[in-house]
Amino acid sequence: MTYRNESAWIQPAAPATAPRTTQARSTAEYRALDAAHHIHPFSDMGALNRAGSRVIVKADGVYLWDSDGNKIIDGMAGLWCVNVGYGRKELAD
């Protein structure tokens, strides 16, 4: 894919590939990365800083599981990214 700016055609660089490891990161590592690189809009930052962010490790349909084993209904996804169902073709059509 190419993009055009005002003066030239630009080819985007190939995406960098990070080395894959077989060992998953810990919840603490994910929380540290989250704190360093993500802004949480609509969040109580005091509570977030005290408790840490929720790390989602699994999903199935409308359900999510966090790294503490809690099963959660994905009630907010429809606001931004799942407005036609969870992969349900009949809704997307």
PDB file of N, CA and C in Angstrom:
ATOM      1  N   MET A   1       0.853  -1.173   0.000  1.00  0.00           N
ATOM      2  CA  MET A   1       0.000   0.000   0.000  1.00  0.00           C
ATOM      3  C   MET A   1       0.899   1.236   0.000  1.00  0.00           C
ATOM      4  N   THR A   2       0.544   2.216  -0.781  1.00  0.00           N
ATOM      5  CA  THR A   2       1.307   3.456  -0.805  1.00  0.00           C
ATOM      6  C   THR A   2       0.405   4.599  -0.366  1.00  0.00           C
ATOM      7  N   TYR A   3       1.033   5.614   0.140  1.00  0.00           N
ATOM      8  CA  TYR A   3       0.319   6.807   0.590  1.00  0.00           C
ATOM      9  C   TYR A   3       0.930   8.003  -0.117  1.00  0.00           C
ATOM     10  N   ARG A   4       0.121   8.993  -0.395  1.00  0.00           N
ATOM     11  CA  ARG A   4       0.627  10.183  -1.066  1.00  0.00           C
ATOM     12  C   ARG A   4       0.547  11.358  -0.104  1.00  0.00           C
ATOM     13  N   ASN A   5       1.680  12.037   0.044  1.00  0.00           N
ATOM     14  CA  ASN A   5       1.633  13.296   0.774  1.00  0.00           C
ATOM     15  C   ASN A   5       1.729  14.406  -0.257  1.00  0.00           C
ATOM     16  N   GLU A   6       1.952  15.616   0.148  1.00  0.00           N
ATOM     17  CA  GLU A   6       1.943  16.730  -0.796  1.00  0.00           C
ATOM     18  C   GLU A   6       3.074  16.677  -1.808  1.00  0.00           C
ATOM     19  N   SER A   7       4.181  16.027  -1.474  1.00  0.00           N
ATOM     20  CA  SER A   7       5.319  16.101  -2.383  1.00  0.00           C
ATOM     21  C   SER A   7       5.763  14.775  -2.980  1.00  0.00           C
ATOM     22  N   ALA A   8       5.353  13.655  -2.436  1.00  0.00           N
ATOM     23  CA  ALA A   8       5.888  12.399  -2.956  1.00  0.00           C
ATOM     24  C   ALA A   8       5.016  11.221  -2.553  1.00  0.00           C
ATOM     25  N   TRP A   9       5.243  10.134  -3.256  1.00  0.00           N
ATOM     26  CA  TRP A   9       4.613   8.876  -2.869  1.00  0.00           C
ATOM     27  C   TRP A   9       5.480   8.236  -1.803  1.00  0.00           C
ATOM     28  N   ILE A  10       4.836   7.713  -0.783  1.00  0.00           N
ATOM     29  CA  ILE A  10       5.572   7.152   0.346  1.00  0.00           C
ATOM     30  C   ILE A  10       5.221   5.679   0.483  1.00  0.00           C
ATOM     31  N   GLN A  11       6.231   4.850   0.611  1.00  0.00           N
ATOM     32  CA  GLN A  11       6.024   3.442   0.929  1.00  0.00           C
ATOM     33  C   GLN A  11       6.223   3.281   2.426  1.00  0.00           C
ATOM     34  N   PRO A  12       5.234   2.768   3.150  1.00  0.00           N
ATOM     35  CA  PRO A  12       5.435   2.570   4.583  1.00  0.00           C
ATOM     36  C   PRO A  12       6.493   1.510   4.834  1.00  0.00           C
ATOM     37  N   ALA A  13       7.226   1.692   5.896  1.00  0.00           N
ATOM     38  CA  ALA A  13       8.257   0.723   6.260  1.00  0.00           C
ATOM     39  C   ALA A  13       7.599  -0.583   6.675  1.00  0.00           C
ATOM     40  N   ALA A  14       8.321  -1.653   6.483  1.00  0.00           N
ATOM     41  CA  ALA A  14       7.821  -2.956   6.925  1.00  0.00           C
ATOM     42  C   ALA A  14       7.669  -2.936   8.441  1.00  0.00           C
ATOM     43  N   PRO A  15       6.632  -3.559   8.951  1.00  0.00           N
ATOM     44  CA  PRO A  15       6.463  -3.556  10.402  1.00  0.00           C
ATOM     45  C   PRO A  15       7.596  -4.290  11.092  1.00  0.00           C
ATOM     46  N   ALA A  16       8.014  -3.741  12.208  1.00  0.00           N
ATOM     47  CA  ALA A  16       9.071  -4.383  12.984  1.00  0.00           C
ATOM     48  C   ALA A  16       8.498  -5.623  13.647  1.00  0.00           C
ATOM     49  N   THR A  17       9.271  -6.652  13.666  1.00  0.00           N
ATOM     50  CA  THR A  17       8.806  -7.870  14.318  1.00  0.00           C
ATOM     51  C   THR A  17       9.582  -8.077  15.597  1.00  0.00           C
ATOM     52  N   ALA A  18       8.857  -8.236  16.662  1.00  0.00           N
ATOM     53  CA  ALA A  18       9.485  -8.479  17.956  1.00  0.00           C
ATOM     54  C   ALA A  18       9.751  -9.968  18.091  1.00  0.00           C
ATOM     55  N   PRO A  19      10.830 -10.326  18.749  1.00  0.00           N
ATOM     56  CA  PRO A  19      11.079 -11.750  18.944  1.00  0.00           C
ATOM     57  C   PRO A  19       9.964 -12.377  19.778  1.00  0.00           C
ATOM     58  N   ARG A  20       9.490 -13.523  19.354  1.00  0.00           N
ATOM     59  CA  ARG A  20       8.428 -14.217  20.068  1.00  0.00           C
ATOM     60  C   ARG A  20       9.041 -15.106  21.141  1.00  0.00           C
ATOM     61  N   THR A  21       8.425 -15.118  22.283  1.00  0.00           N
ATOM     62  CA  THR A  21       8.876 -16.009  23.339  1.00  0.00           C
ATOM     63  C   THR A  21       7.737 -16.943  23.700  1.00  0.00           C
ATOM     64  N   THR A  22       8.076 -18.082  24.229  1.00  0.00           N
ATOM     65  CA  THR A  22       7.042 -19.029  24.617  1.00  0.00           C
ATOM     66  C   THR A  22       6.499 -18.709  25.999  1.00  0.00           C
ATOM     67  N   GLN A  23       7.183 -17.870  26.723  1.00  0.00           N
ATOM     68  CA  GLN A  23       6.769 -17.542  28.077  1.00  0.00           C
ATOM     69  C   GLN A  23       5.929 -16.267  28.061  1.00  0.00           C
ATOM     70  N   ALA A  24       4.743 -16.327  28.646  1.00  0.00           N
ATOM     71  CA  ALA A  24       3.866 -15.160  28.697  1.00  0.00           C
ATOM     72  C   ALA A  24       4.362 -14.183  29.751  1.00  0.00           C
ATOM     73  N   ARG A  25       4.004 -12.930  29.563  1.00  0.00           N
ATOM     74  CA  ARG A  25       4.342 -11.918  30.568  1.00  0.00           C
ATOM     75  C   ARG A  25       3.420 -12.068  31.767  1.00  0.00           C
ATOM     76  N   SER A  26       3.885 -11.578  32.883  1.00  0.00           N
ATOM     77  CA  SER A  26       3.069 -11.618  34.099  1.00  0.00           C
ATOM     78  C   SER A  26       2.089 -10.447  34.097  1.00  0.00           C
ATOM     79  N   THR A  27       1.086 -10.543  34.952  1.00  0.00           N
ATOM     80  CA  THR A  27       0.129  -9.447  35.105  1.00  0.00           C
ATOM     81  C   THR A  27       0.849  -8.163  35.487  1.00  0.00           C
ATOM     82  N   ALA A  28       1.825  -8.254  36.374  1.00  0.00           N
ATOM     83  CA  ALA A  28       2.579  -7.064  36.795  1.00  0.00           C
ATOM     84  C   ALA A  28       3.308  -6.434  35.612  1.00  0.00           C
ATOM     85  N   GLU A  29       3.877  -7.254  34.731  1.00  0.00           N
ATOM     86  CA  GLU A  29       4.571  -6.705  33.557  1.00  0.00           C
ATOM     87  C   GLU A  29       3.588  -6.010  32.622  1.00  0.00           C
ATOM     88  N   TYR A  30       2.425  -6.629  32.388  1.00  0.00           N
ATOM     89  CA  TYR A  30       1.423  -5.988  31.538  1.00  0.00           C
ATOM     90  C   TYR A  30       0.927  -4.684  32.157  1.00  0.00           C
ATOM     91  N   ARG A  31       0.740  -4.666  33.468  1.00  0.00           N
ATOM     92  CA  ARG A  31       0.295  -3.435  34.132  1.00  0.00           C
ATOM     93  C   ARG A  31       1.340  -2.340  34.022  1.00  0.00           C
ATOM     94  N   ALA A  32       2.615  -2.686  34.129  1.00  0.00           N
ATOM     95  CA  ALA A  32       3.684  -1.692  33.990  1.00  0.00           C
ATOM     96  C   ALA A  32       3.713  -1.141  32.571  1.00  0.00           C
ATOM     97  N   LEU A  33       3.564  -2.000  31.565  1.00  0.00           N
ATOM     98  CA  LEU A  33       3.522  -1.536  30.175  1.00  0.00           C
ATOM     99  C   LEU A  33       2.309  -0.642  29.942  1.00  0.00           C
ATOM    100  N   ASP A  34       1.177  -1.031  30.494  1.00  0.00           N
ATOM    101  CA  ASP A  34      -0.040  -0.242  30.364  1.00  0.00           C
ATOM    102  C   ASP A  34       0.148   1.149  30.969  1.00  0.00           C
ATOM    103  N   ALA A  35       0.708   1.204  32.175  1.00  0.00           N
ATOM    104  CA  ALA A  35       0.913   2.489  32.855  1.00  0.00           C
ATOM    105  C   ALA A  35       1.874   3.383  32.081  1.00  0.00           C
ATOM    106  N   ALA A  36       2.854   2.780  31.422  1.00  0.00           N
ATOM    107  CA  ALA A  36       3.855   3.558  30.698  1.00  0.00           C
ATOM    108  C   ALA A  36       3.380   4.038  29.328  1.00  0.00           C
ATOM    109  N   HIS A  37       2.416   3.328  28.716  1.00  0.00           N
ATOM    110  CA  HIS A  37       2.112   3.603  27.311  1.00  0.00           C
ATOM    111  C   HIS A  37       0.648   3.854  26.967  1.00  0.00           C
ATOM    112  N   HIS A  38      -0.251   3.845  27.937  1.00  0.00           N
ATOM    113  CA  HIS A  38      -1.667   3.964  27.594  1.00  0.00           C
ATOM    114  C   HIS A  38      -2.362   4.981  28.499  1.00  0.00           C
ATOM    115  N   ILE A  39      -3.181   5.812  27.890  1.00  0.00           N
ATOM    116  CA  ILE A  39      -4.012   6.755  28.637  1.00  0.00           C
ATOM    117  C   ILE A  39      -5.418   6.167  28.677  1.00  0.00           C
ATOM    118  N   HIS A  40      -6.011   6.081  29.854  1.00  0.00           N
ATOM    119  CA  HIS A  40      -7.342   5.497  30.013  1.00  0.00           C
ATOM    120  C   HIS A  40      -8.393   6.597  30.107  1.00  0.00           C
ATOM    121  N   PRO A  41      -9.070   6.904  29.000  1.00  0.00           N
ATOM    122  CA  PRO A  41     -10.118   7.916  29.078  1.00  0.00           C
ATOM    123  C   PRO A  41     -11.292   7.390  29.896  1.00  0.00           C
ATOM    124  N   PHE A  42     -12.024   8.274  30.504  1.00  0.00           N
ATOM    125  CA  PHE A  42     -13.218   7.936  31.284  1.00  0.00           C
ATOM    126  C   PHE A  42     -12.903   7.042  32.481  1.00  0.00           C
ATOM    127  N   SER A  43     -11.692   7.108  33.005  1.00  0.00           N
ATOM    128  CA  SER A  43     -11.305   6.264  34.142  1.00  0.00           C
ATOM    129  C   SER A  43     -11.018   7.107  35.371  1.00  0.00           C
ATOM    130  N   ASP A  44     -11.282   6.544  36.523  1.00  0.00           N
ATOM    131  CA  ASP A  44     -10.891   7.140  37.794  1.00  0.00           C
ATOM    132  C   ASP A  44      -9.413   6.811  37.980  1.00  0.00           C
ATOM    133  N   MET A  45      -8.544   7.762  37.679  1.00  0.00           N
ATOM    134  CA  MET A  45      -7.108   7.489  37.680  1.00  0.00           C
ATOM    135  C   MET A  45      -6.583   7.144  39.064  1.00  0.00           C
ATOM    136  N   GLY A  46      -7.167   7.699  40.112  1.00  0.00           N
ATOM    137  CA  GLY A  46      -6.742   7.345  41.464  1.00  0.00           C
ATOM    138  C   GLY A  46      -6.978   5.866  41.739  1.00  0.00           C
ATOM    139  N   ALA A  47      -8.180   5.395  41.416  1.00  0.00           N
ATOM    140  CA  ALA A  47      -8.503   3.975  41.617  1.00  0.00           C
ATOM    141  C   ALA A  47      -7.655   3.094  40.709  1.00  0.00           C
ATOM    142  N   LEU A  48      -7.454   3.529  39.479  1.00  0.00           N
ATOM    143  CA  LEU A  48      -6.634   2.756  38.544  1.00  0.00           C
ATOM    144  C   LEU A  48      -5.202   2.645  39.043  1.00  0.00           C
ATOM    145  N   ASN A  49      -4.662   3.737  39.564  1.00  0.00           N
ATOM    146  CA  ASN A  49      -3.293   3.706  40.085  1.00  0.00           C
ATOM    147  C   ASN A  49      -3.176   2.820  41.320  1.00  0.00           C
ATOM    148  N   ARG A  50      -4.220   2.789  42.146  1.00  0.00           N
ATOM    149  CA  ARG A  50      -4.183   1.939  43.346  1.00  0.00           C
ATOM    150  C   ARG A  50      -4.320   0.457  43.000  1.00  0.00           C
ATOM    151  N   ALA A  51      -5.262   0.117  42.145  1.00  0.00           N
ATOM    152  CA  ALA A  51      -5.569  -1.289  41.860  1.00  0.00           C
ATOM    153  C   ALA A  51      -4.800  -1.849  40.668  1.00  0.00           C
ATOM    154  N   GLY A  52      -4.371  -0.974  39.769  1.00  0.00           N
ATOM    155  CA  GLY A  52      -3.744  -1.444  38.531  1.00  0.00           C
ATOM    156  C   GLY A  52      -4.805  -1.757  37.489  1.00  0.00           C
ATOM    157  N   SER A  53      -4.385  -1.815  36.249  1.00  0.00           N
ATOM    158  CA  SER A  53      -5.330  -2.068  35.168  1.00  0.00           C
ATOM    159  C   SER A  53      -5.728  -3.538  35.134  1.00  0.00           C
ATOM    160  N   ARG A  54      -6.884  -3.792  34.568  1.00  0.00           N
ATOM    161  CA  ARG A  54      -7.373  -5.164  34.417  1.00  0.00           C
ATOM    162  C   ARG A  54      -6.720  -5.748  33.168  1.00  0.00           C
ATOM    163  N   VAL A  55      -6.147  -6.922  33.285  1.00  0.00           N
ATOM    164  CA  VAL A  55      -5.476  -7.576  32.163  1.00  0.00           C
ATOM    165  C   VAL A  55      -6.388  -8.692  31.658  1.00  0.00           C
ATOM    166  N   ILE A  56      -6.873  -8.541  30.434  1.00  0.00           N
ATOM    167  CA  ILE A  56      -7.762  -9.534  29.837  1.00  0.00           C
ATOM    168  C   ILE A  56      -6.908 -10.632  29.211  1.00  0.00           C
ATOM    169  N   VAL A  57      -7.222 -11.879  29.546  1.00  0.00           N
ATOM    170  CA  VAL A  57      -6.415 -13.002  29.058  1.00  0.00           C
ATOM    171  C   VAL A  57      -7.181 -13.945  28.141  1.00  0.00           C
ATOM    172  N   LYS A  58      -8.513 -13.816  28.103  1.00  0.00           N
ATOM    173  CA  LYS A  58      -9.307 -14.745  27.303  1.00  0.00           C
ATOM    174  C   LYS A  58     -10.634 -14.088  26.969  1.00  0.00           C
ATOM    175  N   ALA A  59     -11.201 -14.465  25.825  1.00  0.00           N
ATOM    176  CA  ALA A  59     -12.524 -13.983  25.446  1.00  0.00           C
ATOM    177  C   ALA A  59     -13.279 -15.096  24.736  1.00  0.00           C
ATOM    178  N   ASP A  60     -14.590 -15.116  24.949  1.00  0.00           N
ATOM    179  CA  ASP A  60     -15.453 -16.068  24.261  1.00  0.00           C
ATOM    180  C   ASP A  60     -16.828 -15.425  24.147  1.00  0.00           C
ATOM    181  N   GLY A  61     -17.190 -15.010  22.923  1.00  0.00           N
ATOM    182  CA  GLY A  61     -18.458 -14.316  22.730  1.00  0.00           C
ATOM    183  C   GLY A  61     -18.477 -13.023  23.519  1.00  0.00           C
ATOM    184  N   VAL A  62     -19.497 -12.833  24.337  1.00  0.00           N
ATOM    185  CA  VAL A  62     -19.619 -11.592  25.107  1.00  0.00           C
ATOM    186  C   VAL A  62     -18.861 -11.646  26.426  1.00  0.00           C
ATOM    187  N   TYR A  63     -18.189 -12.745  26.710  1.00  0.00           N
ATOM    188  CA  TYR A  63     -17.498 -12.904  27.990  1.00  0.00           C
ATOM    189  C   TYR A  63     -15.997 -12.697  27.861  1.00  0.00           C
ATOM    190  N   LEU A  64     -15.429 -12.068  28.869  1.00  0.00           N
ATOM    191  CA  LEU A  64     -13.986 -11.868  28.986  1.00  0.00           C
ATOM    192  C   LEU A  64     -13.546 -12.454  30.316  1.00  0.00           C
ATOM    193  N   TRP A  65     -12.287 -12.881  30.393  1.00  0.00           N
ATOM    194  CA  TRP A  65     -11.701 -13.330  31.649  1.00  0.00           C
ATOM    195  C   TRP A  65     -10.451 -12.516  31.892  1.00  0.00           C
ATOM    196  N   ASP A  66     -10.267 -12.065  33.129  1.00  0.00           N
ATOM    197  CA  ASP A  66      -9.053 -11.316  33.451  1.00  0.00           C
ATOM    198  C   ASP A  66      -8.011 -12.246  34.062  1.00  0.00           C
ATOM    199  N   SER A  67      -6.831 -11.703  34.304  1.00  0.00           N
ATOM    200  CA  SER A  67      -5.714 -12.506  34.802  1.00  0.00           C
ATOM    201  C   SER A  67      -5.928 -12.980  36.233  1.00  0.00           C
ATOM    202  N   ASP A  68      -6.948 -12.451  36.909  1.00  0.00           N
ATOM    203  CA  ASP A  68      -7.291 -12.917  38.253  1.00  0.00           C
ATOM    204  C   ASP A  68      -8.374 -13.992  38.220  1.00  0.00           C
ATOM    205  N   GLY A  69      -8.817 -14.393  37.017  1.00  0.00           N
ATOM    206  CA  GLY A  69      -9.821 -15.442  36.880  1.00  0.00           C
ATOM    207  C   GLY A  69     -11.257 -14.965  36.901  1.00  0.00           C
ATOM    208  N   ASN A  70     -11.488 -13.650  36.925  1.00  0.00           N
ATOM    209  CA  ASN A  70     -12.851 -13.111  36.938  1.00  0.00           C
ATOM    210  C   ASN A  70     -13.469 -13.181  35.547  1.00  0.00           C
ATOM    211  N   LYS A  71     -14.717 -13.665  35.458  1.00  0.00           N
ATOM    212  CA  LYS A  71     -15.474 -13.702  34.207  1.00  0.00           C
ATOM    213  C   LYS A  71     -16.313 -12.433  34.140  1.00  0.00           C
ATOM    214  N   ILE A  72     -16.198 -11.703  33.042  1.00  0.00           N
ATOM    215  CA  ILE A  72     -16.800 -10.380  32.911  1.00  0.00           C
ATOM    216  C   ILE A  72     -17.629 -10.341  31.632  1.00  0.00           C
ATOM    217  N   ILE A  73     -18.786  -9.692  31.662  1.00  0.00           N
ATOM    218  CA  ILE A  73     -19.549  -9.455  30.435  1.00  0.00           C
ATOM    219  C   ILE A  73     -18.971  -8.217  29.761  1.00  0.00           C
ATOM    220  N   ASP A  74     -18.693  -8.309  28.470  1.00  0.00           N
ATOM    221  CA  ASP A  74     -18.108  -7.202  27.718  1.00  0.00           C
ATOM    222  C   ASP A  74     -19.197  -6.198  27.360  1.00  0.00           C
ATOM    223  N   GLY A  75     -19.640  -5.427  28.344  1.00  0.00           N
ATOM    224  CA  GLY A  75     -20.746  -4.502  28.163  1.00  0.00           C
ATOM    225  C   GLY A  75     -20.393  -3.203  27.473  1.00  0.00           C
ATOM    226  N   MET A  76     -19.133  -2.852  27.384  1.00  0.00           N
ATOM    227  CA  MET A  76     -18.734  -1.572  26.795  1.00  0.00           C
ATOM    228  C   MET A  76     -18.335  -1.679  25.326  1.00  0.00           C
ATOM    229  N   ALA A  77     -18.101  -2.858  24.812  1.00  0.00           N
ATOM    230  CA  ALA A  77     -17.577  -3.007  23.457  1.00  0.00           C
ATOM    231  C   ALA A  77     -18.486  -2.393  22.405  1.00  0.00           C
ATOM    232  N   GLY A  78     -19.787  -2.444  22.615  1.00  0.00           N
ATOM    233  CA  GLY A  78     -20.711  -1.898  21.639  1.00  0.00           C
ATOM    234  C   GLY A  78     -20.572  -0.405  21.428  1.00  0.00           C
ATOM    235  N   LEU A  79     -19.976   0.290  22.377  1.00  0.00           N
ATOM    236  CA  LEU A  79     -19.794   1.731  22.222  1.00  0.00           C
ATOM    237  C   LEU A  79     -18.737   2.072  21.182  1.00  0.00           C
ATOM    238  N   TRP A  80     -17.726   1.228  21.031  1.00  0.00           N
ATOM    239  CA  TRP A  80     -16.620   1.581  20.149  1.00  0.00           C
ATOM    240  C   TRP A  80     -16.286   0.545  19.082  1.00  0.00           C
ATOM    241  N   CYS A  81     -16.394  -0.734  19.383  1.00  0.00           N
ATOM    242  CA  CYS A  81     -15.815  -1.669  18.417  1.00  0.00           C
ATOM    243  C   CYS A  81     -16.667  -2.881  18.068  1.00  0.00           C
ATOM    244  N   VAL A  82     -17.700  -3.198  18.781  1.00  0.00           N
ATOM    245  CA  VAL A  82     -18.473  -4.401  18.476  1.00  0.00           C
ATOM    246  C   VAL A  82     -19.936  -4.022  18.300  1.00  0.00           C
ATOM    247  N   ASN A  83     -20.194  -3.091  17.403  1.00  0.00           N
ATOM    248  CA  ASN A  83     -21.560  -2.604  17.265  1.00  0.00           C
ATOM    249  C   ASN A  83     -22.421  -3.460  16.344  1.00  0.00           C
ATOM    250  N   VAL A  84     -21.864  -4.492  15.722  1.00  0.00           N
ATOM    251  CA  VAL A  84     -22.671  -5.402  14.901  1.00  0.00           C
ATOM    252  C   VAL A  84     -22.542  -6.844  15.367  1.00  0.00           C
ATOM    253  N   GLY A  85     -22.228  -7.059  16.616  1.00  0.00           N
ATOM    254  CA  GLY A  85     -22.176  -8.417  17.141  1.00  0.00           C
ATOM    255  C   GLY A  85     -20.772  -8.963  17.215  1.00  0.00           C
ATOM    256  N   TYR A  86     -20.637 -10.049  17.899  1.00  0.00           N
ATOM    257  CA  TYR A  86     -19.342 -10.698  18.103  1.00  0.00           C
ATOM    258  C   TYR A  86     -19.098 -11.713  16.996  1.00  0.00           C
ATOM    259  N   GLY A  87     -18.797 -11.234  15.805  1.00  0.00           N
ATOM    260  CA  GLY A  87     -18.533 -12.126  14.683  1.00  0.00           C
ATOM    261  C   GLY A  87     -19.782 -12.787  14.129  1.00  0.00           C
ATOM    262  N   ARG A  88     -20.939 -12.248  14.425  1.00  0.00           N
ATOM    263  CA  ARG A  88     -22.188 -12.846  13.940  1.00  0.00           C
ATOM    264  C   ARG A  88     -22.534 -12.271  12.577  1.00  0.00           C
ATOM    265  N   LYS A  89     -22.350 -13.099  11.559  1.00  0.00           N
ATOM    266  CA  LYS A  89     -22.546 -12.669  10.182  1.00  0.00           C
ATOM    267  C   LYS A  89     -23.966 -12.148   9.935  1.00  0.00           C
ATOM    268  N   GLU A  90     -24.973 -12.786  10.542  1.00  0.00           N
ATOM    269  CA  GLU A  90     -26.356 -12.361  10.290  1.00  0.00           C
ATOM    270  C   GLU A  90     -26.615 -10.943  10.786  1.00  0.00           C
ATOM    271  N   LEU A  91     -25.889 -10.489  11.797  1.00  0.00           N
ATOM    272  CA  LEU A  91     -26.034  -9.111  12.261  1.00  0.00           C
ATOM    273  C   LEU A  91     -25.281  -8.142  11.364  1.00  0.00           C
ATOM    274  N   ALA A  92     -24.118  -8.542  10.891  1.00  0.00           N
ATOM    275  CA  ALA A  92     -23.325  -7.674  10.024  1.00  0.00           C
ATOM    276  C   ALA A  92     -23.989  -7.491   8.664  1.00  0.00           C
ATOM    277  N   ASP A  93     -24.664  -8.536   8.176  1.00  0.00           N
ATOM    278  CA  ASP A  93     -25.341  -8.446   6.876  1.00  0.00           C
ATOM    279  C   ASP A  93     -26.504  -7.489   6.981  1.00  0.00           C
TER     280      ASP A  93
END
